[in-house]
C-alpha atoms as a PDB file:
ATOM      1  CA  MET A   1       9.951 -17.282  -1.771  1.00  0.00           C
ATOM      2  CA  ALA A   2      12.323 -14.858  -0.300  1.00  0.00           C
ATOM      3  CA  HIS A   3      12.672 -12.491   2.947  1.00  0.00           C
ATOM      4  CA  TYR A   4      13.312  -8.772   2.234  1.00  0.00           C
ATOM      5  CA  LYS A   5      14.206  -5.883   4.984  1.00  0.00           C
ATOM      6  CA  LEU A   6      13.721  -2.737   2.876  1.00  0.00           C
ATOM      7  CA  HIS A   7      13.743   0.749   3.759  1.00  0.00           C
ATOM      8  CA  THR A   8      10.884   2.585   1.770  1.00  0.00           C
ATOM      9  CA  ASP A   9      13.591   4.529  -0.116  1.00  0.00           C
ATOM     10  CA  GLU A  10      14.601   1.442  -1.630  1.00  0.00           C
ATOM     11  CA  LEU A  11      11.381   0.755  -3.236  1.00  0.00           C
ATOM     12  CA  ALA A  12      12.038   2.544  -6.441  1.00  0.00           C
ATOM     13  CA  GLY A  13      14.836   0.067  -7.194  1.00  0.00           C
ATOM     14  CA  MET A  14      13.459  -3.240  -5.660  1.00  0.00           C
ATOM     15  CA  ALA A  15       9.653  -3.201  -6.389  1.00  0.00           C
ATOM     16  CA  SER A  16      10.267  -4.634  -9.979  1.00  0.00           C
ATOM     17  CA  LYS A  17      12.432  -7.665  -8.050  1.00  0.00           C
ATOM     18  CA  LEU A  18       9.932  -8.658  -5.689  1.00  0.00           C
ATOM     19  CA  ARG A  19       7.801 -11.719  -6.500  1.00  0.00           C
ATOM     20  CA  ALA A  20       4.558 -12.915  -5.083  1.00  0.00           C
ATOM     21  CA  GLY A  21       4.938 -14.891  -2.215  1.00  0.00           C
ATOM     22  CA  ASP A  22       8.070 -12.749  -1.012  1.00  0.00           C
ATOM     23  CA  ILE A  23       7.801 -11.600   2.785  1.00  0.00           C
ATOM     24  CA  VAL A  24       8.697  -7.773   3.002  1.00  0.00           C
ATOM     25  CA  HIS A  25       9.843  -5.832   6.320  1.00  0.00           C
ATOM     26  CA  LEU A  26       9.152  -2.516   5.623  1.00  0.00           C
ATOM     27  CA  THR A  27      10.971   0.552   7.364  1.00  0.00           C
ATOM     28  CA  GLY A  28      10.391   4.290   6.658  1.00  0.00           C
ATOM     29  CA  THR A  29       7.770   6.145   5.278  1.00  0.00           C
ATOM     30  CA  VAL A  30       4.291   4.844   4.140  1.00  0.00           C
ATOM     31  CA  TYR A  31       1.204   6.902   3.464  1.00  0.00           C
ATOM     32  CA  THR A  32      -2.321   5.968   4.147  1.00  0.00           C
ATOM     33  CA  ALA A  33      -5.204   6.937   1.728  1.00  0.00           C
ATOM     34  CA  ARG A  34      -8.375   5.046   1.171  1.00  0.00           C
ATOM     35  CA  ASP A  35     -11.033   5.732  -1.957  1.00  0.00           C
ATOM     36  CA  ALA A  36     -12.158   9.039  -1.018  1.00  0.00           C
ATOM     37  CA  ALA A  37      -8.657  10.291  -0.663  1.00  0.00           C
ATOM     38  CA  HIS A  38      -7.624   8.728  -3.862  1.00  0.00           C
ATOM     39  CA  LYS A  39     -10.286  10.348  -5.819  1.00  0.00           C
ATOM     40  CA  ARG A  40      -9.053  13.773  -4.483  1.00  0.00           C
ATOM     41  CA  ILE A  41      -5.502  13.172  -5.275  1.00  0.00           C
ATOM     42  CA  VAL A  42      -6.650  12.375  -8.991  1.00  0.00           C
ATOM     43  CA  GLU A  43      -8.800  15.218  -9.058  1.00  0.00           C
ATOM     44  CA  ALA A  44      -6.054  17.390  -8.077  1.00  0.00           C
ATOM     45  CA  MET A  45      -3.757  15.895 -10.695  1.00  0.00           C
ATOM     46  CA  ASP A  46      -6.302  16.378 -13.317  1.00  0.00           C
ATOM     47  CA  ALA A  47      -6.523  20.019 -12.285  1.00  0.00           C
ATOM     48  CA  GLY A  48      -2.671  20.333 -12.807  1.00  0.00           C
ATOM     49  CA  GLU A  49      -2.054  20.537  -8.793  1.00  0.00           C
ATOM     50  CA  ASP A  50       0.453  18.406  -7.047  1.00  0.00           C
ATOM     51  CA  PRO A  51      -0.566  15.378  -5.058  1.00  0.00           C
ATOM     52  CA  PRO A  52      -0.195  15.735  -1.054  1.00  0.00           C
ATOM     53  CA  PHE A  53       3.106  13.710  -1.231  1.00  0.00           C
ATOM     54  CA  ALA A  54       5.496  12.793  -3.926  1.00  0.00           C
ATOM     55  CA  LEU A  55       4.349   9.607  -5.406  1.00  0.00           C
ATOM     56  CA  GLY A  56       7.877   8.684  -7.130  1.00  0.00           C
ATOM     57  CA  GLY A  57       9.002   5.519  -5.360  1.00  0.00           C
ATOM     58  CA  ALA A  58       6.122   5.887  -2.693  1.00  0.00           C
ATOM     59  CA  ALA A  59       4.038   3.230  -0.911  1.00  0.00           C
ATOM     60  CA  ILE A  60       0.535   3.682   0.084  1.00  0.00           C
ATOM     61  CA  TYR A  61      -1.143   1.751   2.705  1.00  0.00           C
ATOM     62  CA  TYR A  62      -4.960   1.367   2.056  1.00  0.00           C
ATOM     63  CA  ALA A  63      -6.130   1.687   5.777  1.00  0.00           C
ATOM     64  CA  GLY A  64      -8.087   4.335   7.881  1.00  0.00           C
ATOM     65  CA  PRO A  65      -6.322   4.105  11.164  1.00  0.00           C
ATOM     66  CA  THR A  66      -8.792   4.606  14.378  1.00  0.00           C
ATOM     67  CA  PRO A  67      -7.656   7.191  16.734  1.00  0.00           C
ATOM     68  CA  ALA A  68      -4.885   6.452  19.213  1.00  0.00           C
ATOM     69  CA  LYS A  69      -5.860   5.525  22.925  1.00  0.00           C
ATOM     70  CA  PRO A  70      -3.753   7.480  25.515  1.00  0.00           C
ATOM     71  CA  GLY A  71       0.171   6.283  25.348  1.00  0.00           C
ATOM     72  CA  GLN A  72      -0.284   5.025  21.651  1.00  0.00           C
ATOM     73  CA  VAL A  73       1.009   6.679  18.491  1.00  0.00           C
ATOM     74  CA  ILE A  74      -2.015   5.003  16.549  1.00  0.00           C
ATOM     75  CA  GLY A  75      -5.027   3.029  16.805  1.00  0.00           C
ATOM     76  CA  SER A  76      -5.890   0.169  14.949  1.00  0.00           C
ATOM     77  CA  VAL A  77      -4.489   0.235  11.234  1.00  0.00           C
ATOM     78  CA  GLY A  78      -5.695  -2.742   9.421  1.00  0.00           C
ATOM     79  CA  PRO A  79      -5.791  -2.726   5.818  1.00  0.00           C
ATOM     80  CA  THR A  80      -9.062  -2.117   3.783  1.00  0.00           C
ATOM     81  CA  THR A  81     -10.186  -3.765   0.566  1.00  0.00           C
ATOM     82  CA  SER A  82      -8.144  -2.811  -2.252  1.00  0.00           C
ATOM     83  CA  GLY A  83     -10.176  -3.064  -5.172  1.00  0.00           C
ATOM     84  CA  ARG A  84     -12.116   0.219  -4.266  1.00  0.00           C
ATOM     85  CA  MET A  85      -8.901   1.674  -5.140  1.00  0.00           C
ATOM     86  CA  ASP A  86      -8.768   0.045  -8.760  1.00  0.00           C
ATOM     87  CA  PRO A  87     -10.272   3.001 -10.624  1.00  0.00           C
ATOM     88  CA  TYR A  88      -7.434   5.287  -9.341  1.00  0.00           C
ATOM     89  CA  ALA A  89      -4.255   3.372  -8.620  1.00  0.00           C
ATOM     90  CA  PRO A  90      -3.185   3.067 -12.538  1.00  0.00           C
ATOM     91  CA  ARG A  91      -2.967   6.789 -12.551  1.00  0.00           C
ATOM     92  CA  LEU A  92      -0.889   6.906  -9.438  1.00  0.00           C
ATOM     93  CA  MET A  93       1.514   4.294 -10.725  1.00  0.00           C
ATOM     94  CA  ASP A  94       1.888   5.920 -13.867  1.00  0.00           C
ATOM     95  CA  ALA A  95       2.820   9.167 -11.689  1.00  0.00           C
ATOM     96  CA  GLY A  96       5.704   7.146  -9.868  1.00  0.00           C
ATOM     97  CA  LEU A  97       3.720   5.090  -7.089  1.00  0.00           C
ATOM     98  CA  LYS A  98       5.879   1.944  -6.402  1.00  0.00           C
ATOM     99  CA  CYS A  99       4.108  -0.010  -3.862  1.00  0.00           C
ATOM    100  CA  MET A 100       0.460  -0.480  -2.631  1.00  0.00           C
ATOM    101  CA  ILE A 101      -0.433  -2.344   0.731  1.00  0.00           C
ATOM    102  CA  GLY A 102      -3.991  -3.676   1.371  1.00  0.00           C
ATOM    103  CA  LYS A 103      -6.024  -6.610   1.155  1.00  0.00           C
ATOM    104  CA  GLY A 104      -8.033  -8.543  -1.650  1.00  0.00           C
ATOM    105  CA  VAL A 105      -7.747  -9.108  -5.574  1.00  0.00           C
ATOM    106  CA  ARG A 106      -6.902  -6.455  -8.123  1.00  0.00           C
ATOM    107  CA  SER A 107      -8.308  -5.809 -11.436  1.00  0.00           C
ATOM    108  CA  GLN A 108      -6.574  -6.761 -14.449  1.00  0.00           C
ATOM    109  CA  GLU A 109      -6.014  -2.973 -15.119  1.00  0.00           C
ATOM    110  CA  VAL A 110      -4.207  -2.642 -12.004  1.00  0.00           C
ATOM    111  CA  ALA A 111      -1.897  -5.775 -12.948  1.00  0.00           C
ATOM    112  CA  ASP A 112      -1.127  -4.234 -16.310  1.00  0.00           C
ATOM    113  CA  SER A 113      -0.267  -0.998 -14.762  1.00  0.00           C
ATOM    114  CA  MET A 114       2.016  -2.761 -12.242  1.00  0.00           C
ATOM    115  CA  ALA A 115       3.977  -4.542 -15.282  1.00  0.00           C
ATOM    116  CA  ARG A 116       4.051  -1.179 -17.020  1.00  0.00           C
ATOM    117  CA  ASN A 117       5.463   0.551 -14.055  1.00  0.00           C
ATOM    118  CA  GLY A 118       7.469  -2.098 -11.994  1.00  0.00           C
ATOM    119  CA  SER A 119       5.269  -1.696  -9.280  1.00  0.00           C
ATOM    120  CA  VAL A 120       4.191  -4.129  -6.412  1.00  0.00           C
ATOM    121  CA  TYR A 121       1.297  -4.965  -4.312  1.00  0.00           C
ATOM    122  CA  LEU A 122       1.485  -6.265  -0.893  1.00  0.00           C
ATOM    123  CA  VAL A 123      -1.063  -7.752   1.305  1.00  0.00           C
ATOM    124  CA  ALA A 124      -1.127  -6.923   5.360  1.00  0.00           C
ATOM    125  CA  ILE A 125      -3.407  -9.398   7.407  1.00  0.00           C
ATOM    126  CA  GLY A 126      -6.837  -7.991   7.689  1.00  0.00           C
ATOM    127  CA  GLY A 127      -8.230  -8.252  11.353  1.00  0.00           C
ATOM    128  CA  ALA A 128      -4.747  -7.664  12.549  1.00  0.00           C
ATOM    129  CA  GLY A 129      -4.787  -4.006  12.818  1.00  0.00           C
ATOM    130  CA  ALA A 130      -3.952  -3.531  16.469  1.00  0.00           C
ATOM    131  CA  VAL A 131      -0.664  -5.918  15.603  1.00  0.00           C
ATOM    132  CA  LYS A 132       0.068  -3.406  12.750  1.00  0.00           C
ATOM    133  CA  ALA A 133      -0.123  -0.607  14.962  1.00  0.00           C
ATOM    134  CA  ALA A 134       2.875  -1.652  16.866  1.00  0.00           C
ATOM    135  CA  SER A 135       5.091  -0.954  13.779  1.00  0.00           C
ATOM    136  CA  ILE A 136       4.087   2.569  13.473  1.00  0.00           C
ATOM    137  CA  LYS A 137       6.344   4.887  15.322  1.00  0.00           C
ATOM    138  CA  ALA A 138       5.020   8.438  14.184  1.00  0.00           C
ATOM    139  CA  VAL A 139       1.866   9.602  12.247  1.00  0.00           C
ATOM    140  CA  GLU A 140       1.248  13.042  10.711  1.00  0.00           C
ATOM    141  CA  VAL A 141      -2.268  13.839   8.927  1.00  0.00           C
ATOM    142  CA  ILE A 142      -0.948  15.602   5.673  1.00  0.00           C
ATOM    143  CA  ALA A 143      -4.063  16.190   3.621  1.00  0.00           C
ATOM    144  CA  TYR A 144      -7.783  16.124   3.540  1.00  0.00           C
ATOM    145  CA  GLU A 145      -8.076  16.288   7.288  1.00  0.00           C
ATOM    146  CA  ASP A 146     -12.118  16.753   7.132  1.00  0.00           C
ATOM    147  CA  LEU A 147     -12.112  12.857   5.893  1.00  0.00           C
ATOM    148  CA  GLY A 148     -11.291  11.775   9.455  1.00  0.00           C
ATOM    149  CA  CYS A 149      -9.845   8.390   9.724  1.00  0.00           C
ATOM    150  CA  GLU A 150      -9.548   8.230   5.995  1.00  0.00           C
ATOM    151  CA  SER A 151      -7.240  11.496   5.704  1.00  0.00           C
ATOM    152  CA  VAL A 152      -3.953  11.121   3.995  1.00  0.00           C
ATOM    153  CA  LYS A 153      -1.558  10.093   6.718  1.00  0.00           C
ATOM    154  CA  LYS A 154       2.320  10.297   6.782  1.00  0.00           C
ATOM    155  CA  LEU A 155       3.426   6.958   8.821  1.00  0.00           C
ATOM    156  CA  THR A 156       7.085   6.306  10.148  1.00  0.00           C
ATOM    157  CA  VAL A 157       7.022   2.375  10.196  1.00  0.00           C
ATOM    158  CA  GLU A 158       9.559   0.063  11.395  1.00  0.00           C
ATOM    159  CA  ASP A 159       9.650  -3.673  10.539  1.00  0.00           C
ATOM    160  CA  PHE A 160       6.041  -3.460   8.833  1.00  0.00           C
ATOM    161  CA  HIS A 161       5.324  -7.144   7.734  1.00  0.00           C
ATOM    162  CA  ALA A 162       3.574  -7.840   4.328  1.00  0.00           C
ATOM    163  CA  ILE A 163       3.455 -10.275   1.644  1.00  0.00           C
ATOM    164  CA  VAL A 164       3.889  -9.715  -2.163  1.00  0.00           C
ATOM    165  CA  ALA A 165       0.605 -10.729  -3.365  1.00  0.00           C
ATOM    166  CA  MET A 166       1.011  -9.381  -6.891  1.00  0.00           C
ATOM    167  CA  ASP A 167       4.374  -8.563  -8.699  1.00  0.00           C
ATOM    168  CA  CYS A 168       5.014  -6.735 -11.905  1.00  0.00           C
ATOM    169  CA  GLU A 169       6.064 -10.086 -13.913  1.00  0.00           C
ATOM    170  CA  GLY A 170       2.278 -11.148 -13.466  1.00  0.00           C
ATOM    171  CA  GLY A 171       2.791 -13.298 -10.520  1.00  0.00           C
ATOM    172  CA  SER A 172      -0.315 -13.543  -8.210  1.00  0.00           C
ATOM    173  CA  LEU A 173      -0.780 -15.375  -5.052  1.00  0.00           C
ATOM    174  CA  TYR A 174      -4.457 -15.276  -5.549  1.00  0.00           C
ATOM    175  CA  ARG A 175      -4.155 -17.104  -8.668  1.00  0.00           C
ATOM    176  CA  ASP A 176      -0.987 -19.054  -8.349  1.00  0.00           C
ATOM    177  CA  GLY A 177      -1.409 -19.914  -4.618  1.00  0.00           C
ATOM    178  CA  ALA A 178      -4.994 -21.177  -5.327  1.00  0.00           C
ATOM    179  CA  ALA A 179      -3.992 -23.273  -8.029  1.00  0.00           C
ATOM    180  CA  GLN A 180      -1.179 -24.698  -5.873  1.00  0.00           C
ATOM    181  CA  TYR A 181      -3.378 -25.649  -2.961  1.00  0.00           C
ATOM    182  CA  ARG A 182      -5.917 -27.097  -5.680  1.00  0.00           C
ATOM    183  CA  LYS A 183      -3.243 -29.835  -6.460  1.00  0.00           C
ATOM    184  CA  ILE A 184      -3.052 -31.109  -2.908  1.00  0.00           C
END
């Protein structure tokens, strides 16, 4: 297990080097998108339109932040179940997405796409949305405002902690970590 402090601009070059179990501290730009936004992004791509942000080297956090209270940049911003994005994730990775952040197990199709594209899947701790909000320094709605908390947002993050759950070499904390603890 290694620790990395990465700027999101480095993800294109570093995602394929990260391994399951590594700890990552991200600084830079991360976009939020959940299933309704993913559906619209893929529909736009199918129609020959550009997605609402450049996918090349990008990181998407599967989250629907709550509204900010007075004096806050953002409300609670915990991860949502990643499996709901599995029908869309391979298409986005084929278009350049390098990092997905959420919680829960991913499909074999997503794992295969990660291997093909040198992408990585990070997990953030569910139930810790208020803690995650502290690492977000700015937020801007950039697409699908009608989706409310599930609109696509551009987050500026600083020292956003996550754990590599699945890597592009087939490593998986869900599989390998469980096997390790069964031995104990």
